[in-house]
C-alpha atoms as a PDB file:
ATOM      1  CA  MET A   1       0.010   0.024  -0.079  1.00  0.00           C
ATOM      2  CA  PRO A   2       2.497   2.656   0.851  1.00  0.00           C
ATOM      3  CA  VAL A   3       4.056   2.145  -2.739  1.00  0.00           C
ATOM      4  CA  VAL A   4       0.895   2.569  -4.475  1.00  0.00           C
ATOM      5  CA  ALA A   5       0.264   5.496  -2.294  1.00  0.00           C
ATOM      6  CA  ILE A   6       3.932   7.118  -3.088  1.00  0.00           C
ATOM      7  CA  LEU A   7       3.384   6.261  -6.705  1.00  0.00           C
ATOM      8  CA  SER A   8      -0.077   8.028  -6.559  1.00  0.00           C
ATOM      9  CA  LEU A   9       1.350  11.217  -5.156  1.00  0.00           C
ATOM     10  CA  VAL A  10       4.299  11.289  -7.658  1.00  0.00           C
ATOM     11  CA  LEU A  11       1.910  10.766 -10.329  1.00  0.00           C
ATOM     12  CA  LEU A  12      -0.342  13.694  -9.084  1.00  0.00           C
ATOM     13  CA  THR A  13       2.452  15.751  -8.768  1.00  0.00           C
ATOM     14  CA  LEU A  14       3.663  15.168 -12.353  1.00  0.00           C
ATOM     15  CA  LEU A  15      -0.012  15.644 -13.436  1.00  0.00           C
ATOM     16  CA  VAL A  16      -0.008  19.040 -11.648  1.00  0.00           C
ATOM     17  CA  ILE A  17       3.163  20.098 -13.109  1.00  0.00           C
ATOM     18  CA  ALA A  18       2.219  19.171 -16.606  1.00  0.00           C
ATOM     19  CA  TRP A  19      -0.876  21.299 -15.979  1.00  0.00           C
ATOM     20  CA  GLU A  20       0.856  24.193 -14.860  1.00  0.00           C
ATOM     21  CA  VAL A  21       2.987  24.050 -17.934  1.00  0.00           C
ATOM     22  CA  ALA A  22       0.123  23.690 -20.043  1.00  0.00           C
ATOM     23  CA  TYR A  23      -1.443  26.728 -18.355  1.00  0.00           C
ATOM     24  CA  LEU A  24       1.576  28.816 -18.453  1.00  0.00           C
ATOM     25  CA  THR A  25       1.937  28.191 -22.133  1.00  0.00           C
ATOM     26  CA  ARG A  26      -1.457  29.158 -22.799  1.00  0.00           C
ATOM     27  CA  LEU A  27      -1.157  32.433 -20.825  1.00  0.00           C
ATOM     28  CA  HIS A  28       1.848  33.034 -22.967  1.00  0.00           C
ATOM     29  CA  SER A  29       0.139  32.344 -26.076  1.00  0.00           C
ATOM     30  CA  GLN A  30      -2.596  34.959 -25.073  1.00  0.00           C
ATOM     31  CA  ARG A  31       0.338  37.188 -24.437  1.00  0.00           C
ATOM     32  CA  ASP A  32       1.649  36.849 -27.572  1.00  0.00           C
ATOM     33  CA  GLU A  33      -2.038  37.283 -29.392  1.00  0.00           C
ATOM     34  CA  ALA A  34      -2.763  40.444 -27.202  1.00  0.00           C
ATOM     35  CA  TRP A  35       0.787  41.626 -28.270  1.00  0.00           C
ATOM     36  CA  ARG A  36      -0.062  41.176 -31.641  1.00  0.00           C
ATOM     37  CA  LYS A  37      -3.138  43.126 -31.677  1.00  0.00           C
ATOM     38  CA  LEU A  38      -1.841  46.210 -29.702  1.00  0.00           C
ATOM     39  CA  GLU A  39       1.049  46.179 -32.173  1.00  0.00           C
ATOM     40  CA  ALA A  40      -1.379  46.399 -35.025  1.00  0.00           C
ATOM     41  CA  GLU A  41      -2.951  49.277 -33.547  1.00  0.00           C
ATOM     42  CA  LEU A  42       0.038  51.026 -32.500  1.00  0.00           C
ATOM     43  CA  ARG A  43       1.001  50.631 -36.123  1.00  0.00           C
ATOM     44  CA  GLU A  44      -2.223  52.302 -37.042  1.00  0.00           C
ATOM     45  CA  ARG A  45      -1.626  54.741 -34.868  1.00  0.00           C
ATOM     46  CA  HIS A  46       1.844  55.835 -36.539  1.00  0.00           C
ATOM     47  CA  THR A  47       0.384  55.770 -39.921  1.00  0.00           C
ATOM     48  CA  LEU A  48      -2.103  58.273 -38.588  1.00  0.00           C
ATOM     49  CA  ALA A  49       0.741  60.184 -37.001  1.00  0.00           C
ATOM     50  CA  THR A  50       2.418  60.577 -40.719  1.00  0.00           C
ATOM     51  CA  ARG A  51      -1.075  61.568 -42.277  1.00  0.00           C
ATOM     52  CA  LEU A  52      -1.356  64.410 -39.258  1.00  0.00           C
ATOM     53  CA  VAL A  53       2.204  65.325 -39.829  1.00  0.00           C
ATOM     54  CA  THR A  54       1.516  65.854 -43.666  1.00  0.00           C
ATOM     55  CA  ILE A  55      -1.785  67.905 -42.972  1.00  0.00           C
ATOM     56  CA  ALA A  56       0.210  70.080 -40.288  1.00  0.00           C
ATOM     57  CA  THR A  57       2.976  70.797 -42.642  1.00  0.00           C
ATOM     58  CA  GLN A  58       0.312  72.616 -44.910  1.00  0.00           C
ATOM     59  CA  TYR A  59       0.138  75.312 -41.886  1.00  0.00           C
ATOM     60  CA  ILE A  60       3.042  74.721 -39.778  1.00  0.00           C
ATOM     61  CA  PRO A  61       6.652  74.998 -41.017  1.00  0.00           C
ATOM     62  CA  TRP A  62       8.128  71.905 -41.491  1.00  0.00           C
ATOM     63  CA  ARG A  63      10.914  72.688 -39.070  1.00  0.00           C
ATOM     64  CA  ASP A  64       8.699  73.727 -36.272  1.00  0.00           C
ATOM     65  CA  PRO A  65       9.883  71.442 -33.306  1.00  0.00           C
ATOM     66  CA  VAL A  66       6.563  70.222 -32.512  1.00  0.00           C
ATOM     67  CA  VAL A  67       6.188  68.689 -36.086  1.00  0.00           C
ATOM     68  CA  GLY A  68       9.609  67.487 -35.547  1.00  0.00           C
ATOM     69  CA  ALA A  69       8.997  65.811 -32.351  1.00  0.00           C
ATOM     70  CA  VAL A  70       6.185  63.696 -33.720  1.00  0.00           C
ATOM     71  CA  THR A  71       8.311  62.389 -36.470  1.00  0.00           C
ATOM     72  CA  THR A  72      11.418  61.755 -34.090  1.00  0.00           C
ATOM     73  CA  CYS A  73       9.145  60.111 -31.349  1.00  0.00           C
ATOM     74  CA  ARG A  74       7.281  57.997 -34.269  1.00  0.00           C
ATOM     75  CA  MET A  75      10.747  56.502 -35.671  1.00  0.00           C
ATOM     76  CA  GLN A  76      12.191  55.838 -32.176  1.00  0.00           C
ATOM     77  CA  ALA A  77       8.867  54.199 -31.575  1.00  0.00           C
ATOM     78  CA  MET A  78       9.102  52.048 -34.779  1.00  0.00           C
ATOM     79  CA  ASN A  79      12.502  51.098 -33.865  1.00  0.00           C
ATOM     80  CA  ALA A  80      12.238  50.032 -30.340  1.00  0.00           C
ATOM     81  CA  ARG A  81      13.398  46.371 -29.856  1.00  0.00           C
ATOM     82  CA  THR A  82      12.197  45.824 -26.050  1.00  0.00           C
ATOM     83  CA  VAL A  83       8.752  46.174 -24.579  1.00  0.00           C
ATOM     84  CA  GLY A  84      10.572  48.936 -22.090  1.00  0.00           C
ATOM     85  CA  ASP A  85      12.085  50.928 -24.718  1.00  0.00           C
ATOM     86  CA  ARG A  86       8.736  50.549 -26.639  1.00  0.00           C
ATOM     87  CA  VAL A  87       6.974  52.095 -23.781  1.00  0.00           C
ATOM     88  CA  ALA A  88       9.296  55.137 -23.342  1.00  0.00           C
ATOM     89  CA  ALA A  89       8.985  55.772 -27.193  1.00  0.00           C
ATOM     90  CA  GLU A  90       5.194  55.391 -27.083  1.00  0.00           C
ATOM     91  CA  ALA A  91       4.715  57.391 -24.540  1.00  0.00           C
ATOM     92  CA  ASP A  92       6.770  60.322 -26.250  1.00  0.00           C
ATOM     93  CA  LEU A  93       4.551  60.187 -29.135  1.00  0.00           C
ATOM     94  CA  SER A  94       1.583  60.068 -27.330  1.00  0.00           C
ATOM     95  CA  TRP A  95       2.839  63.583 -25.610  1.00  0.00           C
ATOM     96  CA  ALA A  96       4.278  64.856 -28.784  1.00  0.00           C
ATOM     97  CA  LEU A  97       0.736  64.042 -30.819  1.00  0.00           C
ATOM     98  CA  ALA A  98      -1.216  65.902 -28.086  1.00  0.00           C
ATOM     99  CA  ARG A  99       1.331  69.033 -28.368  1.00  0.00           C
ATOM    100  CA  LEU A 100       0.824  68.744 -32.394  1.00  0.00           C
ATOM    101  CA  LEU A 101      -2.939  68.632 -32.057  1.00  0.00           C
ATOM    102  CA  LEU A 102      -3.232  71.430 -29.640  1.00  0.00           C
ATOM    103  CA  THR A 103      -0.987  73.712 -32.111  1.00  0.00           C
ATOM    104  CA  MET A 104      -3.105  72.816 -35.124  1.00  0.00           C
ATOM    105  CA  GLU A 105      -6.258  73.630 -33.195  1.00  0.00           C
ATOM    106  CA  ALA A 106      -4.990  76.814 -32.421  1.00  0.00           C
ATOM    107  CA  GLN A 107      -4.826  77.382 -36.224  1.00  0.00           C
ATOM    108  CA  HIS A 108      -8.129  78.743 -36.851  1.00  0.00           C
ATOM    109  CA  SER A 109      -8.280  77.538 -40.554  1.00  0.00           C
ATOM    110  CA  MET A 110      -7.640  74.094 -39.131  1.00  0.00           C
ATOM    111  CA  GLU A 111     -11.420  73.796 -38.366  1.00  0.00           C
ATOM    112  CA  ARG A 112     -12.130  73.715 -41.894  1.00  0.00           C
ATOM    113  CA  HIS A 113     -10.099  71.051 -43.050  1.00  0.00           C
ATOM    114  CA  ALA A 114     -11.649  68.022 -43.419  1.00  0.00           C
ATOM    115  CA  ASP A 115      -8.803  65.584 -43.516  1.00  0.00           C
ATOM    116  CA  PHE A 116      -7.336  67.143 -40.225  1.00  0.00           C
ATOM    117  CA  VAL A 117     -11.053  66.683 -38.523  1.00  0.00           C
ATOM    118  CA  GLN A 118     -11.133  63.155 -39.760  1.00  0.00           C
ATOM    119  CA  VAL A 119      -7.503  62.209 -38.911  1.00  0.00           C
ATOM    120  CA  ALA A 120      -7.874  63.640 -35.262  1.00  0.00           C
ATOM    121  CA  GLU A 121     -10.864  61.596 -34.722  1.00  0.00           C
ATOM    122  CA  LYS A 122      -9.329  58.476 -35.943  1.00  0.00           C
ATOM    123  CA  LEU A 123      -6.406  58.997 -33.819  1.00  0.00           C
ATOM    124  CA  SER A 124      -8.503  59.465 -30.929  1.00  0.00           C
ATOM    125  CA  LYS A 125     -10.294  56.257 -31.633  1.00  0.00           C
ATOM    126  CA  SER A 126      -6.926  54.525 -32.096  1.00  0.00           C
ATOM    127  CA  GLU A 127      -5.330  56.021 -28.758  1.00  0.00           C
ATOM    128  CA  ASN A 128      -8.836  54.811 -26.982  1.00  0.00           C
ATOM    129  CA  HIS A 129      -8.102  51.044 -28.725  1.00  0.00           C
ATOM    130  CA  VAL A 130      -4.505  51.247 -27.549  1.00  0.00           C
ATOM    131  CA  ALA A 131      -5.732  51.970 -24.123  1.00  0.00           C
ATOM    132  CA  ARG A 132      -7.817  48.937 -24.306  1.00  0.00           C
ATOM    133  CA  LEU A 133      -5.484  46.665 -25.826  1.00  0.00           C
ATOM    134  CA  ARG A 134      -2.802  47.429 -23.670  1.00  0.00           C
ATOM    135  CA  LEU A 135      -5.105  47.053 -20.473  1.00  0.00           C
ATOM    136  CA  GLU A 136      -6.086  43.299 -21.870  1.00  0.00           C
ATOM    137  CA  TYR A 137      -2.312  42.684 -22.539  1.00  0.00           C
ATOM    138  CA  ASN A 138      -1.074  43.965 -19.150  1.00  0.00           C
ATOM    139  CA  ARG A 139      -4.119  41.620 -17.480  1.00  0.00           C
ATOM    140  CA  ILE A 140      -2.590  38.401 -18.763  1.00  0.00           C
ATOM    141  CA  VAL A 141       1.030  39.482 -17.909  1.00  0.00           C
ATOM    142  CA  ARG A 142      -0.194  40.090 -14.482  1.00  0.00           C
ATOM    143  CA  LEU A 143      -1.832  37.102 -14.496  1.00  0.00           C
ATOM    144  CA  ALA A 144       0.994  34.931 -15.377  1.00  0.00           C
ATOM    145  CA  GLU A 145       3.313  36.833 -13.131  1.00  0.00           C
ATOM    146  CA  SER A 146       0.840  36.301 -10.057  1.00  0.00           C
ATOM    147  CA  HIS A 147       0.673  32.498 -10.959  1.00  0.00           C
ATOM    148  CA  LEU A 148       4.485  32.224 -10.996  1.00  0.00           C
ATOM    149  CA  HIS A 149       4.652  32.557  -7.311  1.00  0.00           C
ATOM    150  CA  HIS A 150       2.930  29.159  -6.783  1.00  0.00           C
ATOM    151  CA  LYS A 151       5.918  26.745  -5.946  1.00  0.00           C
ATOM    152  CA  LEU A 152       4.657  24.233  -8.666  1.00  0.00           C
ATOM    153  CA  ALA A 153       4.386  26.869 -11.274  1.00  0.00           C
ATOM    154  CA  ARG A 154       8.302  27.936 -10.686  1.00  0.00           C
ATOM    155  CA  LEU A 155       8.976  24.194 -10.718  1.00  0.00           C
ATOM    156  CA  ALA A 156       7.185  23.869 -13.751  1.00  0.00           C
ATOM    157  CA  THR A 157       9.004  26.530 -15.478  1.00  0.00           C
ATOM    158  CA  ARG A 158      12.410  24.977 -14.833  1.00  0.00           C
ATOM    159  CA  LEU A 159      11.463  21.912 -16.318  1.00  0.00           C
ATOM    160  CA  HIS A 160       9.974  24.012 -19.248  1.00  0.00           C
ATOM    161  CA  PRO A 161      11.186  27.645 -19.553  1.00  0.00           C
ATOM    162  CA  ILE A 162       8.472  30.277 -20.435  1.00  0.00           C
ATOM    163  CA  PRO A 163       9.836  33.550 -21.694  1.00  0.00           C
ATOM    164  CA  ALA A 164       9.631  36.541 -19.483  1.00  0.00           C
ATOM    165  CA  MET A 165       6.464  38.689 -19.957  1.00  0.00           C
ATOM    166  CA  ASP A 166       7.008  42.238 -19.755  1.00  0.00           C
ATOM    167  CA  SER A 167       4.107  44.739 -19.058  1.00  0.00           C
ATOM    168  CA  PHE A 168       3.103  47.509 -21.454  1.00  0.00           C
ATOM    169  CA  GLU A 169       2.512  50.438 -18.589  1.00  0.00           C
ATOM    170  CA  LEU A 170       2.269  53.750 -19.736  1.00  0.00           C
ATOM    171  CA  ASP A 171       2.240  55.515 -16.293  1.00  0.00           C
ATOM    172  CA  PRO A 172       2.209  59.368 -15.443  1.00  0.00           C
ATOM    173  CA  LEU A 173       5.443  59.907 -14.234  1.00  0.00           C
ATOM    174  CA  LEU A 174       6.899  58.361 -17.696  1.00  0.00           C
ATOM    175  CA  ALA A 175       4.747  60.282 -19.531  1.00  0.00           C
ATOM    176  CA  ARG A 176       6.151  63.423 -17.415  1.00  0.00           C
ATOM    177  CA  GLN A 177       9.582  62.384 -17.675  1.00  0.00           C
ATOM    178  CA  SER A 178       9.430  62.180 -21.536  1.00  0.00           C
ATOM    179  CA  MET A 179       7.788  65.723 -21.797  1.00  0.00           C
ATOM    180  CA  MET A 180      10.539  67.073 -19.857  1.00  0.00           C
ATOM    181  CA  SER A 181      13.307  65.115 -21.910  1.00  0.00           C
ATOM    182  CA  ALA A 182      11.887  66.427 -24.967  1.00  0.00           C
ATOM    183  CA  LEU A 183      11.849  69.871 -23.426  1.00  0.00           C
ATOM    184  CA  ALA A 184      15.355  69.685 -22.537  1.00  0.00           C
ATOM    185  CA  ALA A 185      16.384  68.271 -25.939  1.00  0.00           C
ATOM    186  CA  GLY A 186      14.757  71.633 -27.642  1.00  0.00           C
ATOM    187  CA  MET A 187      12.173  69.236 -29.461  1.00  0.00           C
ATOM    188  CA  VAL A 188       9.553  71.400 -28.260  1.00  0.00           C
ATOM    189  CA  SER A 189       9.602  74.888 -26.897  1.00  0.00           C
ATOM    190  CA  ALA A 190       7.688  75.600 -23.423  1.00  0.00           C
ATOM    191  CA  SER A 191       5.840  78.556 -25.182  1.00  0.00           C
ATOM    192  CA  HIS A 192       4.027  76.330 -28.063  1.00  0.00           C
END
């Protein structure tokens, strides 16, 4: 009997570890799918940023720091290789886009520019989609992180390593830091 009990306990432990590996693999897969959706929406946002810059240069000089900031931040976001770098670049882009929209709205003739209104509305919708998709992505990452605190989950990841999952948090402090770094770099003047 004791041998059967020991074998049952070992078998049960192996089944639980196999379930943990399957669960963490599923979370990783869900995270990858959430990232693909988020990245697709970010690419759409970058396209809209380019269209907005094109419209803006009809009214604002191309060399204006506000226009240049959007272009520079968009390129940095597109070239970011890690999630942390992408978070910082996207925060910079959000801030630069907000400054450009404010500058463009100060132009009285912009109200009659149909493309500007259309792109601004699409950009607003895109920002909302990005926020929703970012929340879903971060929910999955937090679920995986909290699950990894269980002993059997940690053991399962030793037997079958799961790549690390970084969250995509756009916190207000990061946005403030990006604004200050843009001001310090002269990308945007405080008077705009």
